[in-house]
Amino acid sequence: MNQASSSENPALVPATGEQDRTPKTARGEKTLAKLLAAAKSEFGDRGFHQTSISDITQAAGVALGTFYVYFESKDAIFRALVRYLGAETRAHLSAAVEPAPDRLRAEIMGLEAFIEFVRAGPTLYRTIEEAQFVAPETWRGHYSVFAEAYRHNLAAAAAAGQIRPGDDEVRAWALIGANVFIGMRYGVWDQSRSASDIAAHVGDLIANGLKPGP
């Protein structure tokens, strides 16, 4: 798990109405990272309702009282984890597509990286999808942040002449939807096909659509 400091990771900024419990020391940041790593494992394996705070603290190797220094409840650490997972995923994909020469190639490289990322940690889907019912506002925020970044990248690519202009917000949500379900199908349900082959087929669809060729 990427143990970025709270000052660098927006996932650790408290949600509206939550007390700011941002650690002020390197030791505190390390403890917080342990709690989030444990929460990632426990929520991913057991689910929200079957996981207790003591499960998380035992997995993290910290005292139960230490938990409340950083989070006021199980709900709070779950919301923080969803934000953290979103930031972690975006950072991974951003690094993966950085060498891409243009937007169309970035789509292929990004999807391939996402499939591999999901295969390495398939519990990501369980946590994010469970958030739809446990923390719906955080769940919507998870995808909204992705969509805004996607919209910005599409607009920049259109301005550079790499793709044709269009409604970047609608296209961003359409591409996110495709990526989410491709990741579920080939990252979680069935890992028998190569991520690069799947990404190439989706890239062809994005670049050429469904219209018959000349």
Protein backbone atom coordinates (compact mmCIF):
# COMPACT_ATOMS: atom_id res chain seq x y z
CA MET A 1 0.00 0.00 0.00
CA ASN A 2 1.27 3.42 -0.87
CA GLN A 3 1.99 5.08 2.45
CA ALA A 4 1.84 8.68 1.29
CA SER A 5 1.69 11.20 4.07
CA SER A 6 -1.63 12.77 4.97
CA SER A 7 -0.43 16.15 3.74
CA GLU A 8 0.12 14.65 0.28
CA ASN A 9 -2.91 12.38 0.07
CA PRO A 10 -6.37 13.98 -0.17
CA ALA A 11 -7.89 10.69 0.94
CA LEU A 12 -6.85 11.48 4.49
CA VAL A 13 -8.52 14.88 4.65
CA PRO A 14 -11.56 14.53 6.95
CA ALA A 15 -15.01 14.63 5.37
CA THR A 16 -17.47 17.38 6.17
CA GLY A 17 -18.54 17.14 9.79
CA GLU A 18 -15.59 14.99 10.82
CA GLN A 19 -12.96 16.20 13.26
CA ASP A 20 -9.55 16.86 11.75
CA ARG A 21 -7.31 14.16 13.21
CA THR A 22 -4.44 14.55 10.77
CA PRO A 23 -1.23 13.23 12.38
CA LYS A 24 1.38 15.85 13.11
CA THR A 25 4.41 13.57 13.32
CA ALA A 26 6.10 10.96 11.15
CA ARG A 27 5.29 8.36 13.79
CA GLY A 28 1.63 9.33 13.66
CA GLU A 29 1.60 9.09 9.88
CA LYS A 30 3.12 5.61 10.12
CA THR A 31 0.46 4.51 12.61
CA LEU A 32 -2.29 5.93 10.40
CA ALA A 33 -0.87 4.09 7.38
CA LYS A 34 -0.91 0.84 9.40
CA LEU A 35 -4.56 1.37 10.29
CA LEU A 36 -5.53 2.06 6.69
CA ALA A 37 -3.58 -0.95 5.43
CA ALA A 38 -5.31 -3.13 8.01
CA ALA A 39 -8.70 -1.66 7.13
CA LYS A 40 -8.03 -2.35 3.46
CA SER A 41 -7.33 -5.99 4.23
CA GLU A 42 -10.12 -6.54 6.77
CA PHE A 43 -12.91 -4.72 4.91
CA GLY A 44 -11.79 -6.31 1.66
CA ASP A 45 -11.85 -9.83 3.08
CA ARG A 46 -14.78 -9.65 5.51
CA GLY A 47 -16.89 -6.76 4.32
CA PHE A 48 -17.98 -3.73 6.33
CA HIS A 49 -20.59 -5.34 8.59
CA GLN A 50 -18.48 -8.36 9.54
CA THR A 51 -15.42 -6.26 10.39
CA SER A 52 -14.99 -4.74 13.83
CA ILE A 53 -12.68 -1.98 15.02
CA SER A 54 -10.81 -4.55 17.09
CA ASP A 55 -10.25 -6.64 13.93
CA ILE A 56 -8.59 -3.61 12.35
CA THR A 57 -6.45 -2.68 15.35
CA GLN A 58 -5.30 -6.26 15.85
CA ALA A 59 -4.34 -6.54 12.19
CA ALA A 60 -2.54 -3.19 12.42
CA GLY A 61 -0.76 -4.14 15.64
CA VAL A 62 -1.92 -1.05 17.53
CA ALA A 63 -3.89 -0.54 20.74
CA LEU A 64 -7.65 -0.10 20.54
CA GLY A 65 -7.39 3.35 22.12
CA THR A 66 -4.96 4.42 19.41
CA PHE A 67 -7.67 3.90 16.81
CA TYR A 68 -9.73 6.73 18.28
CA VAL A 69 -6.83 9.14 18.00
CA TYR A 70 -7.29 8.96 14.23
CA PHE A 71 -10.91 7.90 13.62
CA GLU A 72 -14.11 8.47 15.53
CA SER A 73 -15.86 5.30 14.30
CA LYS A 74 -15.77 2.33 11.96
CA ASP A 75 -17.79 4.37 9.47
CA ALA A 76 -15.12 7.09 9.52
CA ILE A 77 -12.23 4.76 8.72
CA PHE A 78 -14.30 3.10 5.99
CA ARG A 79 -14.96 6.47 4.33
CA ALA A 80 -11.30 7.38 4.66
CA LEU A 81 -10.33 4.05 3.12
CA VAL A 82 -12.56 4.63 0.08
CA ARG A 83 -10.93 8.03 -0.45
CA TYR A 84 -7.51 6.48 0.10
CA LEU A 85 -8.15 3.69 -2.42
CA GLY A 86 -9.30 6.25 -4.97
CA ALA A 87 -6.14 8.31 -4.52
CA GLU A 88 -3.98 5.19 -4.64
CA THR A 89 -5.62 4.01 -7.88
CA ARG A 90 -5.35 7.42 -9.55
CA ALA A 91 -1.67 7.70 -8.62
CA HIS A 92 -0.97 4.24 -10.04
CA LEU A 93 -2.76 4.94 -13.32
CA SER A 94 -1.25 8.40 -13.68
CA ALA A 95 2.24 6.93 -13.44
CA ALA A 96 1.33 4.15 -15.88
CA VAL A 97 0.12 6.50 -18.64
CA GLU A 98 2.77 9.18 -18.19
CA PRO A 99 4.93 7.81 -21.06
CA ALA A 100 1.95 7.69 -23.47
CA PRO A 101 2.54 9.78 -26.62
CA ASP A 102 -1.15 10.70 -27.00
CA ARG A 103 -4.60 10.25 -25.48
CA LEU A 104 -5.60 7.18 -27.46
CA ARG A 105 -2.46 5.35 -26.40
CA ALA A 106 -3.00 6.53 -22.83
CA GLU A 107 -6.44 4.86 -22.86
CA ILE A 108 -4.89 1.51 -23.76
CA MET A 109 -2.01 1.82 -21.30
CA GLY A 110 -4.33 3.00 -18.54
CA LEU A 111 -6.79 0.15 -18.94
CA GLU A 112 -4.02 -2.44 -19.05
CA ALA A 113 -2.53 -0.98 -15.88
CA PHE A 114 -5.96 -0.92 -14.21
CA ILE A 115 -6.64 -4.58 -14.97
CA GLU A 116 -3.26 -5.56 -13.54
CA PHE A 117 -3.86 -3.32 -10.52
CA VAL A 118 -7.19 -5.02 -9.83
CA ARG A 119 -5.68 -8.48 -10.25
CA ALA A 120 -3.05 -7.60 -7.66
CA GLY A 121 -5.72 -6.46 -5.19
CA PRO A 122 -9.17 -7.81 -6.14
CA THR A 123 -10.72 -6.73 -2.83
CA LEU A 124 -10.70 -3.16 -4.20
CA TYR A 125 -14.00 -3.86 -5.94
CA ARG A 126 -15.65 -5.26 -2.85
CA THR A 127 -14.82 -2.18 -0.79
CA ILE A 128 -15.83 0.36 -3.44
CA GLU A 129 -19.09 -1.38 -4.32
CA GLU A 130 -20.01 -1.86 -0.66
CA ALA A 131 -19.50 1.88 -0.19
CA GLN A 132 -22.54 2.39 -2.43
CA PHE A 133 -24.70 1.27 0.51
CA VAL A 134 -22.50 2.00 3.53
CA ALA A 135 -21.30 5.47 2.54
CA PRO A 136 -23.19 6.57 -0.61
CA GLU A 137 -21.87 10.14 -0.64
CA THR A 138 -18.29 8.91 -0.42
CA TRP A 139 -19.02 6.34 -3.13
CA ARG A 140 -20.36 9.03 -5.47
CA GLY A 141 -17.41 11.22 -4.62
CA HIS A 142 -15.02 8.40 -5.51
CA TYR A 143 -16.29 8.29 -9.09
CA SER A 144 -16.86 12.03 -9.37
CA VAL A 145 -13.19 12.76 -8.65
CA PHE A 146 -12.17 10.25 -11.31
CA ALA A 147 -14.63 11.77 -13.78
CA GLU A 148 -13.40 15.32 -13.26
CA ALA A 149 -9.79 14.30 -13.82
CA TYR A 150 -10.83 12.30 -16.87
CA ARG A 151 -12.82 15.24 -18.25
CA HIS A 152 -9.82 17.51 -17.85
CA ASN A 153 -7.54 15.07 -19.66
CA LEU A 154 -9.98 14.62 -22.54
CA ALA A 155 -10.39 18.37 -22.92
CA ALA A 156 -6.61 18.82 -23.03
CA ALA A 157 -6.28 16.05 -25.60
CA ALA A 158 -8.99 17.61 -27.79
CA ALA A 159 -7.30 21.01 -27.55
CA ALA A 160 -4.04 19.39 -28.67
CA GLY A 161 -5.74 17.75 -31.64
CA GLN A 162 -5.20 14.20 -30.33
CA ILE A 163 -8.94 13.41 -30.28
CA ARG A 164 -11.93 15.11 -31.84
CA PRO A 165 -13.87 17.58 -29.68
CA GLY A 166 -17.03 16.44 -27.89
CA ASP A 167 -18.88 16.53 -24.60
CA ASP A 168 -15.96 15.69 -22.35
CA GLU A 169 -18.05 15.10 -19.23
CA VAL A 170 -20.32 12.54 -20.92
CA ARG A 171 -17.35 10.87 -22.56
CA ALA A 172 -15.48 10.74 -19.25
CA TRP A 173 -18.34 8.93 -17.51
CA ALA A 174 -18.77 6.57 -20.48
CA LEU A 175 -15.10 5.61 -20.42
CA ILE A 176 -15.10 5.20 -16.64
CA GLY A 177 -18.12 2.91 -16.92
CA ALA A 178 -16.34 0.78 -19.50
CA ASN A 179 -13.19 0.59 -17.41
CA VAL A 180 -15.07 -0.36 -14.24
CA PHE A 181 -16.87 -3.27 -15.88
CA ILE A 182 -13.87 -4.42 -17.92
CA GLY A 183 -11.88 -4.42 -14.68
CA MET A 184 -14.59 -6.43 -12.94
CA ARG A 185 -14.92 -8.98 -15.76
CA TYR A 186 -11.23 -9.52 -16.50
CA GLY A 187 -9.61 -8.38 -13.27
CA VAL A 188 -11.86 -10.08 -10.72
CA TRP A 189 -14.06 -12.72 -12.36
CA ASP A 190 -11.69 -14.16 -14.96
CA GLN A 191 -7.96 -13.52 -15.16
CA SER A 192 -7.18 -16.01 -17.94
CA ARG A 193 -6.71 -13.45 -20.74
CA SER A 194 -3.78 -11.08 -20.91
CA ALA A 195 -4.47 -7.52 -19.81
CA SER A 196 -2.64 -6.15 -22.86
CA ASP A 197 -4.88 -8.10 -25.27
CA ILE A 198 -8.05 -6.90 -23.56
CA ALA A 199 -6.82 -3.30 -23.48
CA ALA A 200 -5.93 -3.44 -27.18
CA HIS A 201 -9.47 -4.52 -28.11
CA VAL A 202 -11.03 -1.80 -25.98
CA GLY A 203 -8.57 0.72 -27.44
CA ASP A 204 -9.70 -0.26 -30.93
CA LEU A 205 -13.31 0.32 -29.90
CA ILE A 206 -12.48 3.74 -28.47
CA ALA A 207 -10.45 4.79 -31.51
CA ASN A 208 -12.67 3.37 -34.26
CA GLY A 209 -16.12 2.87 -32.77
CA LEU A 210 -18.57 0.31 -34.12
CA LYS A 211 -19.04 1.67 -37.64
CA PRO A 212 -17.95 -0.71 -40.41
CA GLY A 213 -14.68 0.10 -42.08
CA PRO A 214 -14.44 1.49 -45.61
